[in-house]
Amino acid sequence: LADFMTFDTEVLAISCDPMFALRAFADADGLNFPLLSDFWPHGEVSRAYDVFDERNGCPRRSSYVVDREGAIRWAVHNAMPEGRDLDEHLRQLADAV
């Protein structure tokens, strides 16, 4: 997380889980960045980004670099349970700033 902060950025996570589940998850894993709930209306934000999986009732695992004007500069979608390549995320963030 510290590597991401060197770019004067904000890291956010969005999940379709209810906020109380997200709070428990953040507390259990010691996360210190905002976890936002897309619970109700269920998946509205995920649908807006066209990543909501209707069959499974949850979004695909996705990451975005959004600039200060709100434009998406980079996006990647990972299949579950594939993890994120944080080095690639940092490279894309460096290219965007």
PDB file of N, CA and C in Angstrom:
ATOM      1  N   LEU A   1       0.822  -1.196   0.000  1.00  0.00           N
ATOM      2  CA  LEU A   1       0.000   0.000   0.000  1.00  0.00           C
ATOM      3  C   LEU A   1       0.861   1.252   0.000  1.00  0.00           C
ATOM      4  N   ALA A   2       1.962   1.221   0.712  1.00  0.00           N
ATOM      5  CA  ALA A   2       2.847   2.389   0.762  1.00  0.00           C
ATOM      6  C   ALA A   2       3.371   2.749  -0.625  1.00  0.00           C
ATOM      7  N   ASP A   3       3.647   1.743  -1.457  1.00  0.00           N
ATOM      8  CA  ASP A   3       4.118   2.007  -2.824  1.00  0.00           C
ATOM      9  C   ASP A   3       3.085   2.796  -3.629  1.00  0.00           C
ATOM     10  N   PHE A   4       1.821   2.508  -3.426  1.00  0.00           N
ATOM     11  CA  PHE A   4       0.767   3.223  -4.143  1.00  0.00           C
ATOM     12  C   PHE A   4       0.653   4.665  -3.662  1.00  0.00           C
ATOM     13  N   MET A   5       0.922   4.890  -2.396  1.00  0.00           N
ATOM     14  CA  MET A   5       0.794   6.232  -1.839  1.00  0.00           C
ATOM     15  C   MET A   5       1.894   7.182  -2.322  1.00  0.00           C
ATOM     16  N   THR A   6       2.980   6.662  -2.866  1.00  0.00           N
ATOM     17  CA  THR A   6       4.049   7.528  -3.364  1.00  0.00           C
ATOM     18  C   THR A   6       3.595   8.332  -4.577  1.00  0.00           C
ATOM     19  N   PHE A   7       2.463   7.941  -5.174  1.00  0.00           N
ATOM     20  CA  PHE A   7       1.937   8.633  -6.350  1.00  0.00           C
ATOM     21  C   PHE A   7       0.866   9.658  -5.993  1.00  0.00           C
ATOM     22  N   ASP A   8       0.710   9.966  -4.694  1.00  0.00           N
ATOM     23  CA  ASP A   8      -0.359  10.862  -4.257  1.00  0.00           C
ATOM     24  C   ASP A   8      -1.691  10.340  -4.764  1.00  0.00           C
ATOM     25  N   THR A   9      -1.966   9.078  -4.449  1.00  0.00           N
ATOM     26  CA  THR A   9      -3.176   8.411  -4.910  1.00  0.00           C
ATOM     27  C   THR A   9      -4.043   8.014  -3.728  1.00  0.00           C
ATOM     28  N   GLU A  10      -5.221   7.551  -4.058  1.00  0.00           N
ATOM     29  CA  GLU A  10      -6.112   6.986  -3.054  1.00  0.00           C
ATOM     30  C   GLU A  10      -6.507   5.596  -3.521  1.00  0.00           C
ATOM     31  N   VAL A  11      -6.326   4.623  -2.666  1.00  0.00           N
ATOM     32  CA  VAL A  11      -6.712   3.248  -2.952  1.00  0.00           C
ATOM     33  C   VAL A  11      -8.087   3.024  -2.336  1.00  0.00           C
ATOM     34  N   LEU A  12      -8.996   2.502  -3.136  1.00  0.00           N
ATOM     35  CA  LEU A  12     -10.345   2.170  -2.688  1.00  0.00           C
ATOM     36  C   LEU A  12     -10.661   0.754  -3.130  1.00  0.00           C
ATOM     37  N   ALA A  13     -11.483   0.074  -2.373  1.00  0.00           N
ATOM     38  CA  ALA A  13     -11.992  -1.232  -2.784  1.00  0.00           C
ATOM     39  C   ALA A  13     -13.509  -1.161  -2.781  1.00  0.00           C
ATOM     40  N   ILE A  14     -14.120  -1.781  -3.772  1.00  0.00           N
ATOM     41  CA  ILE A  14     -15.575  -1.830  -3.863  1.00  0.00           C
ATOM     42  C   ILE A  14     -15.989  -3.290  -3.932  1.00  0.00           C
ATOM     43  N   SER A  15     -16.979  -3.641  -3.119  1.00  0.00           N
ATOM     44  CA  SER A  15     -17.470  -5.006  -3.055  1.00  0.00           C
ATOM     45  C   SER A  15     -18.991  -4.982  -2.962  1.00  0.00           C
ATOM     46  N   CYS A  16     -19.634  -6.048  -3.391  1.00  0.00           N
ATOM     47  CA  CYS A  16     -21.082  -6.150  -3.255  1.00  0.00           C
ATOM     48  C   CYS A  16     -21.498  -6.692  -1.883  1.00  0.00           C
ATOM     49  N   ASP A  17     -20.524  -6.896  -1.016  1.00  0.00           N
ATOM     50  CA  ASP A  17     -20.833  -7.334   0.345  1.00  0.00           C
ATOM     51  C   ASP A  17     -21.407  -6.171   1.146  1.00  0.00           C
ATOM     52  N   PRO A  18     -22.236  -6.466   2.155  1.00  0.00           N
ATOM     53  CA  PRO A  18     -22.761  -5.391   2.998  1.00  0.00           C
ATOM     54  C   PRO A  18     -21.642  -4.738   3.813  1.00  0.00           C
ATOM     55  N   MET A  19     -21.852  -3.485   4.195  1.00  0.00           N
ATOM     56  CA  MET A  19     -20.794  -2.725   4.854  1.00  0.00           C
ATOM     57  C   MET A  19     -20.318  -3.379   6.146  1.00  0.00           C
ATOM     58  N   PHE A  20     -21.180  -4.065   6.864  1.00  0.00           N
ATOM     59  CA  PHE A  20     -20.761  -4.697   8.114  1.00  0.00           C
ATOM     60  C   PHE A  20     -19.792  -5.852   7.847  1.00  0.00           C
ATOM     61  N   ALA A  21     -20.014  -6.593   6.758  1.00  0.00           N
ATOM     62  CA  ALA A  21     -19.091  -7.664   6.372  1.00  0.00           C
ATOM     63  C   ALA A  21     -17.755  -7.071   5.947  1.00  0.00           C
ATOM     64  N   LEU A  22     -17.799  -5.949   5.227  1.00  0.00           N
ATOM     65  CA  LEU A  22     -16.557  -5.296   4.802  1.00  0.00           C
ATOM     66  C   LEU A  22     -15.768  -4.789   5.989  1.00  0.00           C
ATOM     67  N   ARG A  23     -16.453  -4.244   6.985  1.00  0.00           N
ATOM     68  CA  ARG A  23     -15.774  -3.754   8.193  1.00  0.00           C
ATOM     69  C   ARG A  23     -15.078  -4.909   8.900  1.00  0.00           C
ATOM     70  N   ALA A  24     -15.768  -6.039   9.040  1.00  0.00           N
ATOM     71  CA  ALA A  24     -15.168  -7.211   9.688  1.00  0.00           C
ATOM     72  C   ALA A  24     -13.963  -7.702   8.891  1.00  0.00           C
ATOM     73  N   PHE A  25     -14.071  -7.733   7.560  1.00  0.00           N
ATOM     74  CA  PHE A  25     -12.963  -8.147   6.693  1.00  0.00           C
ATOM     75  C   PHE A  25     -11.773  -7.208   6.870  1.00  0.00           C
ATOM     76  N   ALA A  26     -12.013  -5.900   6.836  1.00  0.00           N
ATOM     77  CA  ALA A  26     -10.935  -4.915   6.981  1.00  0.00           C
ATOM     78  C   ALA A  26     -10.269  -5.051   8.346  1.00  0.00           C
ATOM     79  N   ASP A  27     -11.058  -5.224   9.386  1.00  0.00           N
ATOM     80  CA  ASP A  27     -10.504  -5.364  10.730  1.00  0.00           C
ATOM     81  C   ASP A  27      -9.674  -6.640  10.853  1.00  0.00           C
ATOM     82  N   ALA A  28     -10.174  -7.729  10.303  1.00  0.00           N
ATOM     83  CA  ALA A  28      -9.470  -9.015  10.402  1.00  0.00           C
ATOM     84  C   ALA A  28      -8.147  -8.995   9.647  1.00  0.00           C
ATOM     85  N   ASP A  29      -8.105  -8.286   8.503  1.00  0.00           N
ATOM     86  CA  ASP A  29      -6.886  -8.249   7.686  1.00  0.00           C
ATOM     87  C   ASP A  29      -6.048  -7.000   7.911  1.00  0.00           C
ATOM     88  N   GLY A  30      -6.481  -6.117   8.812  1.00  0.00           N
ATOM     89  CA  GLY A  30      -5.715  -4.904   9.103  1.00  0.00           C
ATOM     90  C   GLY A  30      -5.644  -3.940   7.932  1.00  0.00           C
ATOM     91  N   LEU A  31      -6.705  -3.861   7.136  1.00  0.00           N
ATOM     92  CA  LEU A  31      -6.712  -2.966   5.979  1.00  0.00           C
ATOM     93  C   LEU A  31      -6.968  -1.531   6.433  1.00  0.00           C
ATOM     94  N   ASN A  32      -6.220  -0.601   5.870  1.00  0.00           N
ATOM     95  CA  ASN A  32      -6.368   0.795   6.282  1.00  0.00           C
ATOM     96  C   ASN A  32      -6.733   1.705   5.109  1.00  0.00           C
ATOM     97  N   PHE A  33      -7.467   1.165   4.142  1.00  0.00           N
ATOM     98  CA  PHE A  33      -7.989   1.978   3.049  1.00  0.00           C
ATOM     99  C   PHE A  33      -9.497   1.720   2.970  1.00  0.00           C
ATOM    100  N   PRO A  34     -10.240   2.646   2.372  1.00  0.00           N
ATOM    101  CA  PRO A  34     -11.699   2.507   2.354  1.00  0.00           C
ATOM    102  C   PRO A  34     -12.173   1.300   1.555  1.00  0.00           C
ATOM    103  N   LEU A  35     -13.109   0.572   2.154  1.00  0.00           N
ATOM    104  CA  LEU A  35     -13.819  -0.513   1.485  1.00  0.00           C
ATOM    105  C   LEU A  35     -15.253  -0.026   1.296  1.00  0.00           C
ATOM    106  N   LEU A  36     -15.665   0.128   0.057  1.00  0.00           N
ATOM    107  CA  LEU A  36     -16.979   0.674  -0.265  1.00  0.00           C
ATOM    108  C   LEU A  36     -17.941  -0.445  -0.628  1.00  0.00           C
ATOM    109  N   SER A  37     -19.178  -0.337  -0.145  1.00  0.00           N
ATOM    110  CA  SER A  37     -20.176  -1.369  -0.385  1.00  0.00           C
ATOM    111  C   SER A  37     -21.059  -1.013  -1.570  1.00  0.00           C
ATOM    112  N   ASP A  38     -21.145  -1.935  -2.524  1.00  0.00           N
ATOM    113  CA  ASP A  38     -22.024  -1.835  -3.688  1.00  0.00           C
ATOM    114  C   ASP A  38     -23.214  -2.780  -3.468  1.00  0.00           C
ATOM    115  N   PHE A  39     -23.644  -2.856  -2.208  1.00  0.00           N
ATOM    116  CA  PHE A  39     -24.651  -3.842  -1.806  1.00  0.00           C
ATOM    117  C   PHE A  39     -26.062  -3.472  -2.264  1.00  0.00           C
ATOM    118  N   TRP A  40     -26.434  -2.187  -2.110  1.00  0.00           N
ATOM    119  CA  TRP A  40     -27.796  -1.811  -2.481  1.00  0.00           C
ATOM    120  C   TRP A  40     -27.819  -0.464  -3.161  1.00  0.00           C
ATOM    121  N   PRO A  41     -28.462  -0.334  -4.304  1.00  0.00           N
ATOM    122  CA  PRO A  41     -29.009  -1.460  -5.060  1.00  0.00           C
ATOM    123  C   PRO A  41     -27.882  -2.391  -5.499  1.00  0.00           C
ATOM    124  N   HIS A  42     -28.095  -3.667  -5.273  1.00  0.00           N
ATOM    125  CA  HIS A  42     -27.044  -4.679  -5.410  1.00  0.00           C
ATOM    126  C   HIS A  42     -26.336  -4.606  -6.766  1.00  0.00           C
ATOM    127  N   GLY A  43     -25.037  -4.276  -6.717  1.00  0.00           N
ATOM    128  CA  GLY A  43     -24.203  -4.293  -7.911  1.00  0.00           C
ATOM    129  C   GLY A  43     -24.374  -3.111  -8.847  1.00  0.00           C
ATOM    130  N   GLU A  44     -25.005  -2.028  -8.409  1.00  0.00           N
ATOM    131  CA  GLU A  44     -25.245  -0.896  -9.300  1.00  0.00           C
ATOM    132  C   GLU A  44     -23.941  -0.312  -9.854  1.00  0.00           C
ATOM    133  N   VAL A  45     -22.940  -0.142  -9.015  1.00  0.00           N
ATOM    134  CA  VAL A  45     -21.658   0.396  -9.477  1.00  0.00           C
ATOM    135  C   VAL A  45     -20.976  -0.613 -10.397  1.00  0.00           C
ATOM    136  N   SER A  46     -20.977  -1.880 -10.015  1.00  0.00           N
ATOM    137  CA  SER A  46     -20.377  -2.931 -10.847  1.00  0.00           C
ATOM    138  C   SER A  46     -21.025  -3.003 -12.219  1.00  0.00           C
ATOM    139  N   ARG A  47     -22.327  -2.840 -12.250  1.00  0.00           N
ATOM    140  CA  ARG A  47     -23.026  -2.841 -13.539  1.00  0.00           C
ATOM    141  C   ARG A  47     -22.626  -1.630 -14.379  1.00  0.00           C
ATOM    142  N   ALA A  48     -22.453  -0.484 -13.730  1.00  0.00           N
ATOM    143  CA  ALA A  48     -22.047   0.728 -14.456  1.00  0.00           C
ATOM    144  C   ALA A  48     -20.688   0.543 -15.113  1.00  0.00           C
ATOM    145  N   TYR A  49     -19.811  -0.258 -14.504  1.00  0.00           N
ATOM    146  CA  TYR A  49     -18.496  -0.551 -15.068  1.00  0.00           C
ATOM    147  C   TYR A  49     -18.517  -1.812 -15.932  1.00  0.00           C
ATOM    148  N   ASP A  50     -19.702  -2.389 -16.110  1.00  0.00           N
ATOM    149  CA  ASP A  50     -19.906  -3.578 -16.939  1.00  0.00           C
ATOM    150  C   ASP A  50     -19.059  -4.763 -16.475  1.00  0.00           C
ATOM    151  N   VAL A  51     -18.972  -4.954 -15.164  1.00  0.00           N
ATOM    152  CA  VAL A  51     -18.208  -6.077 -14.622  1.00  0.00           C
ATOM    153  C   VAL A  51     -19.050  -6.963 -13.700  1.00  0.00           C
ATOM    154  N   PHE A  52     -20.359  -6.697 -13.616  1.00  0.00           N
ATOM    155  CA  PHE A  52     -21.202  -7.517 -12.751  1.00  0.00           C
ATOM    156  C   PHE A  52     -21.530  -8.825 -13.445  1.00  0.00           C
ATOM    157  N   ASP A  53     -21.284  -9.929 -12.761  1.00  0.00           N
ATOM    158  CA  ASP A  53     -21.566 -11.267 -13.270  1.00  0.00           C
ATOM    159  C   ASP A  53     -22.956 -11.668 -12.776  1.00  0.00           C
ATOM    160  N   GLU A  54     -23.946 -11.559 -13.652  1.00  0.00           N
ATOM    161  CA  GLU A  54     -25.328 -11.848 -13.265  1.00  0.00           C
ATOM    162  C   GLU A  54     -25.501 -13.292 -12.806  1.00  0.00           C
ATOM    163  N   ARG A  55     -24.795 -14.201 -13.434  1.00  0.00           N
ATOM    164  CA  ARG A  55     -24.932 -15.632 -13.094  1.00  0.00           C
ATOM    165  C   ARG A  55     -24.507 -15.910 -11.658  1.00  0.00           C
ATOM    166  N   ASN A  56     -23.391 -15.294 -11.245  1.00  0.00           N
ATOM    167  CA  ASN A  56     -22.864 -15.534  -9.900  1.00  0.00           C
ATOM    168  C   ASN A  56     -23.307 -14.485  -8.885  1.00  0.00           C
ATOM    169  N   GLY A  57     -23.932 -13.406  -9.347  1.00  0.00           N
ATOM    170  CA  GLY A  57     -24.442 -12.384  -8.442  1.00  0.00           C
ATOM    171  C   GLY A  57     -23.379 -11.521  -7.798  1.00  0.00           C
ATOM    172  N   CYS A  58     -22.229 -11.407  -8.466  1.00  0.00           N
ATOM    173  CA  CYS A  58     -21.139 -10.600  -7.915  1.00  0.00           C
ATOM    174  C   CYS A  58     -20.294 -10.046  -9.063  1.00  0.00           C
ATOM    175  N   PRO A  59     -19.499  -9.023  -8.780  1.00  0.00           N
ATOM    176  CA  PRO A  59     -18.653  -8.470  -9.840  1.00  0.00           C
ATOM    177  C   PRO A  59     -17.440  -9.355 -10.107  1.00  0.00           C
ATOM    178  N   ARG A  60     -16.932  -9.249 -11.334  1.00  0.00           N
ATOM    179  CA  ARG A  60     -15.637  -9.862 -11.630  1.00  0.00           C
ATOM    180  C   ARG A  60     -14.571  -9.054 -10.897  1.00  0.00           C
ATOM    181  N   ARG A  61     -13.487  -9.684 -10.532  1.00  0.00           N
ATOM    182  CA  ARG A  61     -12.393  -8.982  -9.860  1.00  0.00           C
ATOM    183  C   ARG A  61     -11.749  -8.037 -10.863  1.00  0.00           C
ATOM    184  N   SER A  62     -11.820  -6.751 -10.588  1.00  0.00           N
ATOM    185  CA  SER A  62     -11.353  -5.727 -11.518  1.00  0.00           C
ATOM    186  C   SER A  62     -10.542  -4.677 -10.780  1.00  0.00           C
ATOM    187  N   SER A  63      -9.622  -4.052 -11.497  1.00  0.00           N
ATOM    188  CA  SER A  63      -8.830  -2.951 -10.962  1.00  0.00           C
ATOM    189  C   SER A  63      -8.797  -1.839 -11.985  1.00  0.00           C
ATOM    190  N   TYR A  64      -8.767  -0.610 -11.497  1.00  0.00           N
ATOM    191  CA  TYR A  64      -8.782   0.560 -12.373  1.00  0.00           C
ATOM    192  C   TYR A  64      -7.802   1.601 -11.868  1.00  0.00           C
ATOM    193  N   VAL A  65      -7.238   2.347 -12.790  1.00  0.00           N
ATOM    194  CA  VAL A  65      -6.529   3.586 -12.483  1.00  0.00           C
ATOM    195  C   VAL A  65      -7.406   4.685 -13.064  1.00  0.00           C
ATOM    196  N   VAL A  66      -7.900   5.550 -12.186  1.00  0.00           N
ATOM    197  CA  VAL A  66      -8.789   6.637 -12.580  1.00  0.00           C
ATOM    198  C   VAL A  66      -8.057   7.943 -12.301  1.00  0.00           C
ATOM    199  N   ASP A  67      -8.017   8.831 -13.293  1.00  0.00           N
ATOM    200  CA  ASP A  67      -7.295  10.093 -13.087  1.00  0.00           C
ATOM    201  C   ASP A  67      -8.150  11.096 -12.315  1.00  0.00           C
ATOM    202  N   ARG A  68      -7.571  12.236 -12.010  1.00  0.00           N
ATOM    203  CA  ARG A  68      -8.250  13.246 -11.191  1.00  0.00           C
ATOM    204  C   ARG A  68      -9.528  13.779 -11.837  1.00  0.00           C
ATOM    205  N   GLU A  69      -9.638  13.673 -13.148  1.00  0.00           N
ATOM    206  CA  GLU A  69     -10.827  14.124 -13.851  1.00  0.00           C
ATOM    207  C   GLU A  69     -11.899  13.041 -13.934  1.00  0.00           C
ATOM    208  N   GLY A  70     -11.580  11.844 -13.435  1.00  0.00           N
ATOM    209  CA  GLY A  70     -12.545  10.750 -13.439  1.00  0.00           C
ATOM    210  C   GLY A  70     -12.472   9.843 -14.646  1.00  0.00           C
ATOM    211  N   ALA A  71     -11.484  10.036 -15.514  1.00  0.00           N
ATOM    212  CA  ALA A  71     -11.331   9.185 -16.695  1.00  0.00           C
ATOM    213  C   ALA A  71     -10.555   7.916 -16.337  1.00  0.00           C
ATOM    214  N   ILE A  72     -11.025   6.792 -16.824  1.00  0.00           N
ATOM    215  CA  ILE A  72     -10.312   5.527 -16.607  1.00  0.00           C
ATOM    216  C   ILE A  72      -9.092   5.507 -17.506  1.00  0.00           C
ATOM    217  N   ARG A  73      -7.916   5.419 -16.890  1.00  0.00           N
ATOM    218  CA  ARG A  73      -6.655   5.399 -17.637  1.00  0.00           C
ATOM    219  C   ARG A  73      -6.170   3.981 -17.910  1.00  0.00           C
ATOM    220  N   TRP A  74      -6.590   3.019 -17.085  1.00  0.00           N
ATOM    221  CA  TRP A  74      -6.177   1.626 -17.244  1.00  0.00           C
ATOM    222  C   TRP A  74      -7.160   0.755 -16.488  1.00  0.00           C
ATOM    223  N   ALA A  75      -7.421  -0.433 -16.998  1.00  0.00           N
ATOM    224  CA  ALA A  75      -8.297  -1.384 -16.323  1.00  0.00           C
ATOM    225  C   ALA A  75      -7.831  -2.795 -16.613  1.00  0.00           C
ATOM    226  N   VAL A  76      -8.055  -3.677 -15.651  1.00  0.00           N
ATOM    227  CA  VAL A  76      -7.758  -5.098 -15.828  1.00  0.00           C
ATOM    228  C   VAL A  76      -8.829  -5.880 -15.070  1.00  0.00           C
ATOM    229  N   HIS A  77      -9.211  -7.023 -15.641  1.00  0.00           N
ATOM    230  CA  HIS A  77     -10.211  -7.890 -15.021  1.00  0.00           C
ATOM    231  C   HIS A  77      -9.571  -9.258 -14.841  1.00  0.00           C
ATOM    232  N   ASN A  78      -9.589  -9.752 -13.615  1.00  0.00           N
ATOM    233  CA  ASN A  78      -8.996 -11.042 -13.294  1.00  0.00           C
ATOM    234  C   ASN A  78     -10.086 -12.060 -12.998  1.00  0.00           C
ATOM    235  N   ALA A  79      -9.893 -13.273 -13.478  1.00  0.00           N
ATOM    236  CA  ALA A  79     -10.803 -14.361 -13.140  1.00  0.00           C
ATOM    237  C   ALA A  79     -10.573 -14.770 -11.693  1.00  0.00           C
ATOM    238  N   MET A  80     -11.630 -15.165 -11.021  1.00  0.00           N
ATOM    239  CA  MET A  80     -11.497 -15.663  -9.655  1.00  0.00           C
ATOM    240  C   MET A  80     -10.900 -17.058  -9.718  1.00  0.00           C
ATOM    241  N   PRO A  81     -10.065 -17.491  -8.873  1.00  0.00           N
ATOM    242  CA  PRO A  81      -9.503 -16.766  -7.747  1.00  0.00           C
ATOM    243  C   PRO A  81      -8.143 -16.141  -8.058  1.00  0.00           C
ATOM    244  N   GLU A  82      -7.882 -15.885  -9.334  1.00  0.00           N
ATOM    245  CA  GLU A  82      -6.598 -15.302  -9.736  1.00  0.00           C
ATOM    246  C   GLU A  82      -6.325 -14.018  -8.965  1.00  0.00           C
ATOM    247  N   GLY A  83      -5.107 -13.892  -8.468  1.00  0.00           N
ATOM    248  CA  GLY A  83      -4.733 -12.701  -7.724  1.00  0.00           C
ATOM    249  C   GLY A  83      -4.340 -11.556  -8.640  1.00  0.00           C
ATOM    250  N   ARG A  84      -4.144 -10.414  -8.037  1.00  0.00           N
ATOM    251  CA  ARG A  84      -3.738  -9.230  -8.787  1.00  0.00           C
ATOM    252  C   ARG A  84      -2.220  -9.164  -8.871  1.00  0.00           C
ATOM    253  N   ASP A  85      -1.723  -8.679  -9.995  1.00  0.00           N
ATOM    254  CA  ASP A  85      -0.294  -8.446 -10.180  1.00  0.00           C
ATOM    255  C   ASP A  85      -0.018  -7.009  -9.743  1.00  0.00           C
ATOM    256  N   LEU A  86       0.341  -6.820  -8.495  1.00  0.00           N
ATOM    257  CA  LEU A  86       0.509  -5.468  -7.961  1.00  0.00           C
ATOM    258  C   LEU A  86       1.670  -4.727  -8.603  1.00  0.00           C
ATOM    259  N   ASP A  87       2.698  -5.430  -9.063  1.00  0.00           N
ATOM    260  CA  ASP A  87       3.792  -4.767  -9.778  1.00  0.00           C
ATOM    261  C   ASP A  87       3.277  -4.146 -11.080  1.00  0.00           C
ATOM    262  N   GLU A  88       2.403  -4.864 -11.783  1.00  0.00           N
ATOM    263  CA  GLU A  88       1.809  -4.323 -13.009  1.00  0.00           C
ATOM    264  C   GLU A  88       0.902  -3.136 -12.686  1.00  0.00           C
ATOM    265  N   HIS A  89       0.178  -3.227 -11.602  1.00  0.00           N
ATOM    266  CA  HIS A  89      -0.658  -2.103 -11.180  1.00  0.00           C
ATOM    267  C   HIS A  89       0.212  -0.861 -10.951  1.00  0.00           C
ATOM    268  N   LEU A  90       1.326  -1.029 -10.286  1.00  0.00           N
ATOM    269  CA  LEU A  90       2.213   0.105 -10.012  1.00  0.00           C
ATOM    270  C   LEU A  90       2.796   0.672 -11.310  1.00  0.00           C
ATOM    271  N   ARG A  91       3.166  -0.197 -12.271  1.00  0.00           N
ATOM    272  CA  ARG A  91       3.669   0.266 -13.559  1.00  0.00           C
ATOM    273  C   ARG A  91       2.607   1.099 -14.281  1.00  0.00           C
ATOM    274  N   GLN A  92       1.397   0.613 -14.296  1.00  0.00           N
ATOM    275  CA  GLN A  92       0.316   1.336 -14.977  1.00  0.00           C
ATOM    276  C   GLN A  92       0.010   2.659 -14.278  1.00  0.00           C
ATOM    277  N   LEU A  93       0.073   2.659 -12.974  1.00  0.00           N
ATOM    278  CA  LEU A  93      -0.148   3.902 -12.226  1.00  0.00           C
ATOM    279  C   LEU A  93       0.937   4.906 -12.534  1.00  0.00           C
ATOM    280  N   ALA A  94       2.186   4.467 -12.583  1.00  0.00           N
ATOM    281  CA  ALA A  94       3.301   5.364 -12.914  1.00  0.00           C
ATOM    282  C   ALA A  94       3.130   5.951 -14.317  1.00  0.00           C
ATOM    283  N   ASP A  95       2.638   5.152 -15.256  1.00  0.00           N
ATOM    284  CA  ASP A  95       2.416   5.630 -16.618  1.00  0.00           C
ATOM    285  C   ASP A  95       1.288   6.659 -16.681  1.00  0.00           C
ATOM    286  N   ALA A  96       0.331   6.543 -15.774  1.00  0.00           N
ATOM    287  CA  ALA A  96      -0.855   7.406 -15.813  1.00  0.00           C
ATOM    288  C   ALA A  96      -0.633   8.771 -15.159  1.00  0.00           C
ATOM    289  N   VAL A  97       0.350   8.865 -14.279  1.00  0.00           N
ATOM    290  CA  VAL A  97       0.552  10.144 -13.571  1.00  0.00           C
ATOM    291  C   VAL A  97       1.611  10.993 -14.237  1.00  0.00           C
TER     292      VAL A  97
END
